[in-house]
Amino acid sequence: TYTFSVQPSRFWIRLYFYPFSYQGYDLNSAVFSVVANGFTLLSDVHVTSSIQASNSIFLFKEYSLNISSSTLTLTFILCLRLSLPLSPVSHAFSFLPPLGQH
């Protein structure tokens, strides 16, 4: 979770995702949700599938949010991705670099 002190206003939230594998962890298998101040921006997203469907090399999502409080909170929730025969995919995770204010 990232929390920012802000003045109530409209904000652009831009999210970029690029799946990769690193030291036994497979970001290609990661599934997650993103919530901003209690509002779900993305729900159970599998980035690799979304990228393949859009014929791109990364996933980009952009949102315009009216924030009426003095705090903007972005929460990234890793979801278990199940595969047949209903077992969790091992070694999947999401890496989230620090966010900057622009």
N, C-alpha and C. Protein backbone atom coordinates (compact mmCIF):
# COMPACT_ATOMS: atom_id res chain seq x y z
N THR A 1 0.84 -1.19 0.00
CA THR A 1 0.00 0.00 0.00
C THR A 1 0.88 1.24 0.00
N TYR A 2 0.52 2.20 -0.84
CA TYR A 2 1.19 3.49 -0.90
C TYR A 2 0.19 4.56 -0.47
N THR A 3 0.61 5.45 0.42
CA THR A 3 -0.27 6.51 0.89
C THR A 3 0.40 7.86 0.62
N PHE A 4 -0.36 8.78 0.01
CA PHE A 4 0.13 10.11 -0.32
C PHE A 4 -0.75 11.16 0.35
N SER A 5 -0.12 12.17 0.92
CA SER A 5 -0.87 13.32 1.41
C SER A 5 -1.13 14.24 0.23
N VAL A 6 -2.38 14.59 0.02
CA VAL A 6 -2.75 15.39 -1.15
C VAL A 6 -3.76 16.47 -0.75
N GLN A 7 -3.91 17.46 -1.60
CA GLN A 7 -4.99 18.43 -1.48
C GLN A 7 -6.17 17.84 -2.25
N PRO A 8 -7.37 17.90 -1.71
CA PRO A 8 -8.52 17.38 -2.46
C PRO A 8 -8.57 17.98 -3.86
N SER A 9 -8.64 17.11 -4.86
CA SER A 9 -8.60 17.53 -6.26
C SER A 9 -8.82 16.31 -7.15
N ARG A 10 -8.77 16.53 -8.45
CA ARG A 10 -8.82 15.44 -9.42
C ARG A 10 -7.38 15.05 -9.74
N PHE A 11 -7.13 13.72 -9.76
CA PHE A 11 -5.80 13.20 -10.02
C PHE A 11 -5.85 12.18 -11.16
N TRP A 12 -4.77 12.15 -11.93
CA TRP A 12 -4.58 11.09 -12.93
C TRP A 12 -3.73 10.01 -12.29
N ILE A 13 -4.20 8.79 -12.35
CA ILE A 13 -3.45 7.64 -11.86
C ILE A 13 -3.05 6.83 -13.08
N ARG A 14 -1.75 6.69 -13.30
CA ARG A 14 -1.25 5.93 -14.45
C ARG A 14 -0.50 4.72 -13.93
N LEU A 15 -0.90 3.55 -14.40
CA LEU A 15 -0.30 2.30 -13.97
C LEU A 15 0.32 1.61 -15.18
N TYR A 16 1.57 1.20 -15.05
CA TYR A 16 2.30 0.48 -16.10
C TYR A 16 2.72 -0.87 -15.54
N PHE A 17 2.52 -1.92 -16.32
CA PHE A 17 2.88 -3.27 -15.89
C PHE A 17 3.66 -3.97 -17.00
N TYR A 18 4.74 -4.62 -16.61
CA TYR A 18 5.55 -5.41 -17.54
C TYR A 18 5.97 -6.69 -16.83
N PRO A 19 5.41 -7.83 -17.22
CA PRO A 19 5.74 -9.09 -16.54
C PRO A 19 7.11 -9.63 -16.96
N PHE A 20 7.80 -10.25 -16.02
CA PHE A 20 9.09 -10.87 -16.31
C PHE A 20 9.38 -11.93 -15.26
N SER A 21 10.40 -12.71 -15.51
CA SER A 21 10.83 -13.73 -14.55
C SER A 21 12.15 -13.27 -13.94
N TYR A 22 12.31 -13.55 -12.64
CA TYR A 22 13.53 -13.14 -11.94
C TYR A 22 13.81 -14.11 -10.80
N GLN A 23 14.96 -14.73 -10.83
CA GLN A 23 15.45 -15.63 -9.78
C GLN A 23 14.38 -16.59 -9.26
N GLY A 24 13.75 -17.29 -10.15
CA GLY A 24 12.78 -18.30 -9.75
C GLY A 24 11.37 -17.78 -9.50
N TYR A 25 11.19 -16.47 -9.56
CA TYR A 25 9.85 -15.90 -9.42
C TYR A 25 9.32 -15.57 -10.80
N ASP A 26 8.07 -15.88 -11.03
CA ASP A 26 7.50 -15.72 -12.36
C ASP A 26 6.40 -14.67 -12.34
N LEU A 27 6.76 -13.44 -12.74
CA LEU A 27 5.77 -12.37 -12.81
C LEU A 27 4.76 -12.59 -13.93
N ASN A 28 5.10 -13.48 -14.86
CA ASN A 28 4.15 -13.80 -15.93
C ASN A 28 2.90 -14.48 -15.37
N SER A 29 3.01 -15.05 -14.17
CA SER A 29 1.88 -15.75 -13.56
C SER A 29 1.13 -14.90 -12.53
N ALA A 30 1.62 -13.70 -12.25
CA ALA A 30 1.02 -12.87 -11.20
C ALA A 30 -0.37 -12.40 -11.58
N VAL A 31 -1.26 -12.44 -10.60
CA VAL A 31 -2.64 -11.95 -10.74
C VAL A 31 -2.89 -11.05 -9.54
N PHE A 32 -3.40 -9.86 -9.79
CA PHE A 32 -3.59 -8.93 -8.69
C PHE A 32 -4.72 -7.95 -8.97
N SER A 33 -5.07 -7.22 -7.92
CA SER A 33 -6.08 -6.17 -7.99
C SER A 33 -5.44 -4.87 -7.50
N VAL A 34 -6.00 -3.74 -7.93
CA VAL A 34 -5.53 -2.43 -7.50
C VAL A 34 -6.73 -1.63 -7.02
N VAL A 35 -6.59 -1.05 -5.82
CA VAL A 35 -7.67 -0.26 -5.22
C VAL A 35 -7.13 1.12 -4.87
N ALA A 36 -7.87 2.18 -5.20
CA ALA A 36 -7.51 3.55 -4.87
C ALA A 36 -8.62 4.14 -4.00
N ASN A 37 -8.28 4.47 -2.76
CA ASN A 37 -9.24 5.03 -1.80
C ASN A 37 -10.54 4.24 -1.76
N GLY A 38 -10.42 2.91 -1.76
CA GLY A 38 -11.59 2.05 -1.66
C GLY A 38 -12.30 1.78 -2.97
N PHE A 39 -11.86 2.39 -4.06
CA PHE A 39 -12.46 2.19 -5.38
C PHE A 39 -11.59 1.23 -6.18
N THR A 40 -12.15 0.14 -6.65
CA THR A 40 -11.38 -0.87 -7.39
C THR A 40 -11.08 -0.38 -8.80
N LEU A 41 -9.78 -0.26 -9.10
CA LEU A 41 -9.34 0.14 -10.44
C LEU A 41 -9.16 -1.09 -11.32
N LEU A 42 -8.53 -2.12 -10.78
CA LEU A 42 -8.31 -3.38 -11.49
C LEU A 42 -8.68 -4.52 -10.56
N SER A 43 -9.30 -5.55 -11.11
CA SER A 43 -9.71 -6.68 -10.29
C SER A 43 -9.24 -7.98 -10.93
N ASP A 44 -8.45 -8.74 -10.18
CA ASP A 44 -7.95 -10.05 -10.62
C ASP A 44 -7.36 -10.00 -12.03
N VAL A 45 -6.42 -9.10 -12.24
CA VAL A 45 -5.81 -8.92 -13.56
C VAL A 45 -4.62 -9.85 -13.72
N HIS A 46 -4.60 -10.57 -14.81
CA HIS A 46 -3.45 -11.39 -15.21
C HIS A 46 -2.77 -10.60 -16.32
N VAL A 47 -1.66 -9.94 -15.98
CA VAL A 47 -1.02 -8.99 -16.89
C VAL A 47 -0.63 -9.64 -18.20
N THR A 48 -0.04 -10.82 -18.16
CA THR A 48 0.41 -11.47 -19.39
C THR A 48 -0.76 -11.71 -20.35
N SER A 49 -1.88 -12.18 -19.86
CA SER A 49 -3.05 -12.40 -20.72
C SER A 49 -3.57 -11.09 -21.28
N SER A 50 -3.58 -10.04 -20.45
CA SER A 50 -4.05 -8.74 -20.91
C SER A 50 -3.15 -8.16 -21.99
N ILE A 51 -1.83 -8.35 -21.82
CA ILE A 51 -0.88 -7.86 -22.82
C ILE A 51 -1.06 -8.61 -24.14
N GLN A 52 -1.18 -9.92 -24.07
CA GLN A 52 -1.35 -10.72 -25.29
C GLN A 52 -2.64 -10.33 -26.01
N ALA A 53 -3.70 -10.06 -25.26
CA ALA A 53 -4.98 -9.69 -25.86
C ALA A 53 -4.90 -8.33 -26.56
N SER A 54 -4.03 -7.44 -26.05
CA SER A 54 -3.92 -6.10 -26.64
C SER A 54 -2.80 -6.01 -27.68
N ASN A 55 -2.07 -7.11 -27.88
CA ASN A 55 -0.96 -7.16 -28.84
C ASN A 55 0.09 -6.08 -28.53
N SER A 56 0.46 -5.99 -27.25
CA SER A 56 1.43 -5.00 -26.78
C SER A 56 2.53 -5.72 -26.00
N ILE A 57 3.56 -4.96 -25.55
CA ILE A 57 4.61 -5.57 -24.74
C ILE A 57 4.46 -5.21 -23.26
N PHE A 58 3.54 -4.29 -22.94
CA PHE A 58 3.27 -3.94 -21.55
C PHE A 58 1.80 -3.56 -21.42
N LEU A 59 1.34 -3.47 -20.18
CA LEU A 59 -0.04 -3.09 -19.91
C LEU A 59 -0.03 -1.70 -19.30
N PHE A 60 -0.84 -0.80 -19.84
CA PHE A 60 -0.96 0.57 -19.36
C PHE A 60 -2.42 0.85 -19.06
N LYS A 61 -2.68 1.35 -17.86
CA LYS A 61 -4.05 1.74 -17.47
C LYS A 61 -3.98 3.15 -16.90
N GLU A 62 -4.99 3.95 -17.21
CA GLU A 62 -5.02 5.33 -16.75
C GLU A 62 -6.41 5.65 -16.21
N TYR A 63 -6.44 6.33 -15.06
CA TYR A 63 -7.72 6.64 -14.40
C TYR A 63 -7.71 8.10 -13.95
N SER A 64 -8.85 8.73 -14.02
CA SER A 64 -9.04 10.06 -13.48
C SER A 64 -9.93 9.93 -12.25
N LEU A 65 -9.37 10.31 -11.09
CA LEU A 65 -10.10 10.15 -9.84
C LEU A 65 -10.28 11.49 -9.14
N ASN A 66 -11.47 11.74 -8.66
CA ASN A 66 -11.73 12.91 -7.84
C ASN A 66 -11.52 12.51 -6.39
N ILE A 67 -10.46 13.02 -5.78
CA ILE A 67 -10.13 12.69 -4.40
C ILE A 67 -10.65 13.81 -3.51
N SER A 68 -11.59 13.49 -2.65
CA SER A 68 -12.20 14.51 -1.78
C SER A 68 -11.58 14.55 -0.39
N SER A 69 -10.67 13.64 -0.11
CA SER A 69 -10.01 13.62 1.20
C SER A 69 -8.57 14.15 1.04
N SER A 70 -7.85 14.20 2.14
CA SER A 70 -6.47 14.69 2.10
C SER A 70 -5.46 13.56 1.93
N THR A 71 -5.96 12.35 1.64
CA THR A 71 -5.09 11.18 1.47
C THR A 71 -5.48 10.41 0.22
N LEU A 72 -4.48 10.04 -0.56
CA LEU A 72 -4.67 9.14 -1.70
C LEU A 72 -3.95 7.85 -1.34
N THR A 73 -4.69 6.75 -1.29
CA THR A 73 -4.11 5.45 -0.94
C THR A 73 -4.27 4.49 -2.10
N LEU A 74 -3.16 3.96 -2.57
CA LEU A 74 -3.16 2.94 -3.62
C LEU A 74 -2.76 1.61 -2.99
N THR A 75 -3.62 0.60 -3.14
CA THR A 75 -3.35 -0.71 -2.58
C THR A 75 -3.26 -1.73 -3.70
N PHE A 76 -2.18 -2.50 -3.71
CA PHE A 76 -1.96 -3.57 -4.68
C PHE A 76 -2.14 -4.88 -3.95
N ILE A 77 -3.08 -5.70 -4.42
CA ILE A 77 -3.43 -6.94 -3.74
C ILE A 77 -3.07 -8.13 -4.63
N LEU A 78 -2.14 -8.95 -4.17
CA LEU A 78 -1.76 -10.15 -4.91
C LEU A 78 -2.84 -11.21 -4.72
N CYS A 79 -3.32 -11.76 -5.80
CA CYS A 79 -4.37 -12.78 -5.76
C CYS A 79 -3.75 -14.13 -6.07
N LEU A 80 -4.28 -15.17 -5.47
CA LEU A 80 -3.85 -16.52 -5.82
C LEU A 80 -4.47 -16.87 -7.16
N ARG A 81 -3.65 -17.33 -8.07
CA ARG A 81 -4.15 -17.77 -9.37
C ARG A 81 -4.20 -19.28 -9.32
N LEU A 82 -5.37 -19.82 -9.56
CA LEU A 82 -5.53 -21.27 -9.51
C LEU A 82 -5.47 -21.85 -10.90
N SER A 83 -4.84 -23.00 -10.99
CA SER A 83 -4.79 -23.71 -12.26
C SER A 83 -5.31 -25.13 -12.01
N LEU A 84 -5.78 -25.76 -13.02
CA LEU A 84 -6.26 -27.14 -12.86
C LEU A 84 -5.06 -28.05 -12.62
N PRO A 85 -5.11 -28.95 -11.70
CA PRO A 85 -6.24 -29.32 -10.84
C PRO A 85 -6.30 -28.52 -9.55
N LEU A 86 -6.76 -27.30 -9.61
CA LEU A 86 -7.00 -26.42 -8.47
C LEU A 86 -5.87 -26.37 -7.46
N SER A 87 -4.69 -25.99 -7.95
CA SER A 87 -3.57 -25.80 -7.05
C SER A 87 -2.96 -24.43 -7.34
N PRO A 88 -2.54 -23.70 -6.30
CA PRO A 88 -1.97 -22.38 -6.53
C PRO A 88 -0.70 -22.46 -7.37
N VAL A 89 -0.49 -21.46 -8.22
CA VAL A 89 0.74 -21.38 -9.01
C VAL A 89 1.85 -20.99 -8.04
N SER A 90 2.91 -21.76 -8.02
CA SER A 90 4.00 -21.46 -7.10
C SER A 90 4.94 -20.43 -7.71
N HIS A 91 5.63 -19.72 -6.86
CA HIS A 91 6.64 -18.75 -7.25
C HIS A 91 6.09 -17.62 -8.11
N ALA A 92 4.89 -17.17 -7.84
CA ALA A 92 4.34 -16.01 -8.54
C ALA A 92 4.27 -14.85 -7.55
N PHE A 93 4.64 -13.67 -8.01
CA PHE A 93 4.54 -12.51 -7.15
C PHE A 93 4.43 -11.26 -8.02
N SER A 94 4.19 -10.13 -7.40
CA SER A 94 4.14 -8.85 -8.10
C SER A 94 5.19 -7.94 -7.51
N PHE A 95 5.95 -7.27 -8.36
CA PHE A 95 6.95 -6.30 -7.93
C PHE A 95 6.43 -4.92 -8.24
N LEU A 96 6.43 -4.04 -7.27
CA LEU A 96 5.91 -2.70 -7.45
C LEU A 96 7.00 -1.70 -7.07
N PRO A 97 7.55 -0.98 -8.05
CA PRO A 97 8.58 0.00 -7.73
C PRO A 97 7.97 1.20 -7.02
N PRO A 98 8.78 2.01 -6.35
CA PRO A 98 8.26 3.20 -5.69
C PRO A 98 7.54 4.11 -6.67
N LEU A 99 6.51 4.75 -6.18
CA LEU A 99 5.73 5.66 -7.02
C LEU A 99 6.22 7.08 -6.79
N GLY A 100 6.14 7.90 -7.82
CA GLY A 100 6.54 9.29 -7.69
C GLY A 100 5.37 10.21 -7.89
N GLN A 101 5.46 11.39 -7.34
CA GLN A 101 4.44 12.40 -7.55
C GLN A 101 4.91 13.30 -8.68
N HIS A 102 3.99 13.61 -9.60
CA HIS A 102 4.34 14.46 -10.74
C HIS A 102 3.44 15.66 -10.77
